[in-house]
Amino acid sequence: MSGFEFTSFLICLVWAFFEARMVPYRRYKMSDDFDLSNSEQSELAKAASDLAAARKEFTAADAEVTRLVAMGSGLPRTKSGDFDERNSTGKRLNRLLPPARSKSYSCERNVNAADTAVKEITERPKTRALEWARWEAWRNASRLALIVSACIALLMLIIGWAPADNWFYLGLVWFALSYTMSKILRKNLMQGLGI
C-alpha cells in the first residue's frame, strides 16, 4: 500500500468514524432536546428535597453543638480541651458534645453529597449539549476536510503534481483543516446553544 493509498484510506476511515460516532446523538433535533426528561426532573425534585432535609438536619445538629458549647463557655477546660469534670455540667458536656459533633459532621457530609447530586443532575443538559457539540463539530470538520482533500488531490492531478508523491502534504492539510475547523465549529455550536 502506497503512502497516498494509506492517507486516502485513513481520511475515509476517520470520516466514517465521526459519522458513526454521531449515531447516538441523532435523537437531538433541537436545543430543547438536551433538557431534563420527565424522569430526570422527578429525580431532581427528589434530590432537591433530600438536600433540603439534609440541610435542615445539619442546621439542627449544628445548633445543638453551638448550644452545648455555649453551655460550657464559662467552665474551665483541661489541657486536652475537654471540660473540667469536677462539676456535673462539665461531665455532661464531655459526654454529650462528641456525639453531637460527630452527628454534625455526618450531617455536613450528607449535605455535601446531596448538593453534589443536585449539581450533577442540573448539569446533565449542559453535559449532553457539550458532547453533542464536540462530536458534531468533528463530524462536520471531517466532512469538510474530506471534500477539500479530494479537491486538492484533483487539483494536483490537473496541475501535474502526482498526489502519490505528495501524500504527506495532503495528509497534513487534511489534519490541520480538520482540527482547525472542529475548533471553530465547536465554538460556533456552543455559542448557538448559549453555553
Protein backbone atom coordinates (compact mmCIF):
# COMPACT_ATOMS: atom_id res chain seq x y z
CA MET A 1 0.00 0.00 0.00
CA SER A 2 1.50 3.31 -1.05
CA GLY A 3 1.54 6.41 1.13
CA PHE A 4 -1.19 8.05 -0.94
CA GLU A 5 -3.44 5.00 -0.64
CA PHE A 6 -2.80 4.83 3.09
CA THR A 7 -3.54 8.54 3.54
CA SER A 8 -6.73 8.25 1.49
CA PHE A 9 -7.82 5.21 3.47
CA LEU A 10 -7.05 6.97 6.77
CA ILE A 11 -9.01 10.09 5.75
CA CYS A 12 -12.04 7.98 4.78
CA LEU A 13 -11.75 5.86 7.91
CA VAL A 14 -11.68 8.90 10.20
CA TRP A 15 -14.63 10.42 8.35
CA ALA A 16 -16.59 7.15 8.79
CA PHE A 17 -15.65 7.08 12.48
CA PHE A 18 -17.04 10.57 13.10
CA GLU A 19 -20.19 9.78 11.13
CA ALA A 20 -20.73 6.63 13.21
CA ARG A 21 -19.89 8.47 16.43
CA MET A 22 -22.84 10.81 15.89
CA VAL A 23 -25.40 7.97 15.70
CA PRO A 24 -26.23 8.08 19.45
CA TYR A 25 -26.81 11.83 19.19
CA ARG A 26 -29.36 11.64 16.35
CA ARG A 27 -32.23 11.94 18.84
CA TYR A 28 -31.28 15.57 19.50
CA LYS A 29 -33.17 17.56 16.88
CA MET A 30 -33.30 20.93 18.65
CA SER A 31 -31.75 22.56 21.69
CA ASP A 32 -34.77 21.73 23.88
CA ASP A 33 -33.95 18.04 23.48
CA PHE A 34 -30.96 18.48 25.79
CA ASP A 35 -33.24 19.48 28.68
CA LEU A 36 -34.03 17.13 31.53
CA SER A 37 -36.51 14.37 30.79
CA ASN A 38 -39.56 13.80 32.99
CA SER A 39 -37.81 11.06 34.95
CA GLU A 40 -34.76 13.30 35.41
CA GLN A 41 -36.97 16.14 36.59
CA SER A 42 -38.57 13.87 39.19
CA GLU A 43 -35.07 12.67 40.15
CA LEU A 44 -34.02 16.32 40.53
CA ALA A 45 -37.08 17.08 42.67
CA LYS A 46 -36.27 14.12 44.93
CA ALA A 47 -32.61 15.16 45.15
CA ALA A 48 -33.64 18.75 45.97
CA SER A 49 -35.98 17.56 48.74
CA ASP A 50 -33.20 15.30 50.07
CA LEU A 51 -30.88 18.32 50.05
CA ALA A 52 -33.43 20.43 51.93
CA ALA A 53 -33.92 17.67 54.51
CA ALA A 54 -30.15 17.23 54.89
CA ARG A 55 -29.67 20.98 55.35
CA LYS A 56 -32.45 21.07 57.95
CA GLU A 57 -30.87 18.14 59.82
CA PHE A 58 -27.43 19.77 59.62
CA THR A 59 -28.79 23.07 60.91
CA ALA A 60 -30.38 21.30 63.88
CA ALA A 61 -27.20 19.31 64.63
CA ASP A 62 -25.03 22.41 64.32
CA ALA A 63 -27.39 24.35 66.59
CA GLU A 64 -27.12 21.56 69.17
CA VAL A 65 -23.31 21.74 69.08
CA THR A 66 -23.44 25.53 69.38
CA ARG A 67 -25.86 25.25 72.33
CA LEU A 68 -23.65 22.72 74.12
CA VAL A 69 -20.51 24.81 73.55
CA ALA A 70 -22.35 27.90 74.82
CA MET A 71 -23.36 25.97 77.97
CA GLY A 72 -19.73 25.31 78.72
CA SER A 73 -18.44 28.77 77.88
CA GLY A 74 -17.68 29.66 81.49
CA LEU A 75 -16.40 26.24 82.55
CA PRO A 76 -12.69 25.56 82.96
CA ARG A 77 -11.05 23.19 80.49
CA THR A 78 -8.31 20.64 80.78
CA LYS A 79 -5.09 20.68 78.73
CA SER A 80 -6.67 18.22 76.26
CA GLY A 81 -9.51 20.69 75.59
CA ASP A 82 -12.20 18.74 77.41
CA PHE A 83 -14.33 20.36 80.06
CA ASP A 84 -13.22 20.03 83.65
CA GLU A 85 -15.17 17.14 85.17
CA ARG A 86 -15.17 18.48 88.72
CA ASN A 87 -18.74 19.65 88.24
CA SER A 88 -21.76 17.89 86.77
CA THR A 89 -22.12 20.27 83.79
CA GLY A 90 -18.56 19.53 82.63
CA LYS A 91 -19.16 15.79 82.91
CA ARG A 92 -22.41 16.08 81.00
CA LEU A 93 -20.86 18.23 78.25
CA ASN A 94 -17.91 15.82 77.85
CA ARG A 95 -20.45 13.03 77.42
CA LEU A 96 -22.83 14.91 75.04
CA LEU A 97 -20.50 17.04 72.91
CA PRO A 98 -18.51 14.34 70.99
CA PRO A 99 -21.63 12.55 69.68
CA ALA A 100 -23.21 15.92 68.81
CA ARG A 101 -20.10 16.96 66.87
CA SER A 102 -19.98 13.58 65.17
CA LYS A 103 -23.62 13.93 64.15
CA SER A 104 -22.94 17.47 62.89
CA TYR A 105 -20.01 16.26 60.74
CA SER A 106 -22.10 13.37 59.44
CA CYS A 107 -24.94 15.74 58.55
CA GLU A 108 -22.48 18.07 56.81
CA ARG A 109 -21.22 15.16 54.69
CA ASN A 110 -24.84 14.31 53.83
CA VAL A 111 -25.46 17.92 52.77
CA ASN A 112 -22.35 17.87 50.56
CA ALA A 113 -23.38 14.55 48.98
CA ALA A 114 -26.93 15.77 48.34
CA ASP A 115 -25.63 19.06 46.93
CA THR A 116 -23.30 17.16 44.59
CA ALA A 117 -26.21 15.00 43.41
CA VAL A 118 -28.35 18.08 42.67
CA LYS A 119 -25.49 19.77 40.78
CA GLU A 120 -24.82 16.61 38.75
CA ILE A 121 -28.46 16.35 37.70
CA THR A 122 -28.74 20.04 36.82
CA GLU A 123 -25.52 19.83 34.75
CA ARG A 124 -26.79 16.95 32.59
CA PRO A 125 -28.31 19.15 29.85
CA LYS A 126 -25.10 21.13 29.54
CA THR A 127 -23.01 17.95 29.51
CA ARG A 128 -25.18 16.45 26.78
CA ALA A 129 -25.01 19.66 24.74
CA LEU A 130 -21.22 19.86 25.09
CA GLU A 131 -20.78 16.25 23.99
CA TRP A 132 -23.10 16.76 21.05
CA ALA A 133 -21.31 19.97 20.03
CA ARG A 134 -17.93 18.26 20.27
CA TRP A 135 -18.84 15.32 18.04
CA GLU A 136 -20.98 17.37 15.65
CA ALA A 137 -18.06 19.77 15.14
CA TRP A 138 -15.67 16.90 14.42
CA ARG A 139 -18.15 15.27 12.05
CA ASN A 140 -18.71 18.47 10.06
CA ALA A 141 -14.99 19.25 10.07
CA SER A 142 -14.15 15.77 8.78
CA ARG A 143 -16.75 16.15 6.03
CA LEU A 144 -15.28 19.48 5.00
CA ALA A 145 -11.70 18.20 5.20
CA LEU A 146 -12.62 15.15 3.10
CA ILE A 147 -14.08 17.37 0.39
CA VAL A 148 -11.14 19.78 0.47
CA SER A 149 -8.63 16.90 0.39
CA ALA A 150 -10.37 15.39 -2.62
CA CYS A 151 -10.36 18.79 -4.35
CA ILE A 152 -6.66 19.26 -3.60
CA ALA A 153 -5.86 15.79 -4.96
CA LEU A 154 -7.86 16.59 -8.10
CA LEU A 155 -6.12 19.96 -8.41
CA MET A 156 -2.76 18.21 -8.07
CA LEU A 157 -3.69 15.92 -10.94
CA ILE A 158 -4.77 18.88 -13.09
CA ILE A 159 -1.60 20.87 -12.34
CA GLY A 160 0.60 17.88 -12.95
CA TRP A 161 1.78 17.13 -9.44
CA ALA A 162 1.50 13.49 -8.56
CA PRO A 163 -0.68 13.10 -5.44
CA ALA A 164 1.15 9.84 -4.73
CA ASP A 165 4.39 11.82 -4.34
CA ASN A 166 2.79 14.50 -2.15
CA TRP A 167 0.64 12.27 0.08
CA PHE A 168 2.33 13.57 3.24
CA TYR A 169 1.35 17.17 2.47
CA LEU A 170 -2.16 16.11 1.55
CA GLY A 171 -2.50 14.30 4.89
CA LEU A 172 -1.04 17.28 6.72
CA VAL A 173 -3.52 19.68 5.08
CA TRP A 174 -6.35 17.29 5.91
CA PHE A 175 -5.32 17.04 9.58
CA ALA A 176 -4.74 20.79 10.02
CA LEU A 177 -8.05 21.62 8.35
CA SER A 178 -9.96 19.01 10.39
CA TYR A 179 -8.51 20.20 13.67
CA THR A 180 -8.92 23.92 12.97
CA MET A 181 -12.45 23.59 11.62
CA SER A 182 -13.53 21.39 14.53
CA LYS A 183 -12.44 24.08 17.00
CA ILE A 184 -14.20 26.84 15.04
CA LEU A 185 -17.36 24.79 14.56
CA ARG A 186 -17.47 23.72 18.20
CA LYS A 187 -17.17 27.33 19.32
CA ASN A 188 -19.98 28.36 16.95
CA LEU A 189 -22.21 25.48 18.06
CA MET A 190 -21.67 26.26 21.74
CA GLN A 191 -22.45 29.93 21.14
CA GLY A 192 -25.60 28.93 19.29
CA LEU A 193 -26.65 26.75 22.22
CA GLY A 194 -25.84 29.50 24.71
CA ILE A 195 -23.20 27.50 26.56
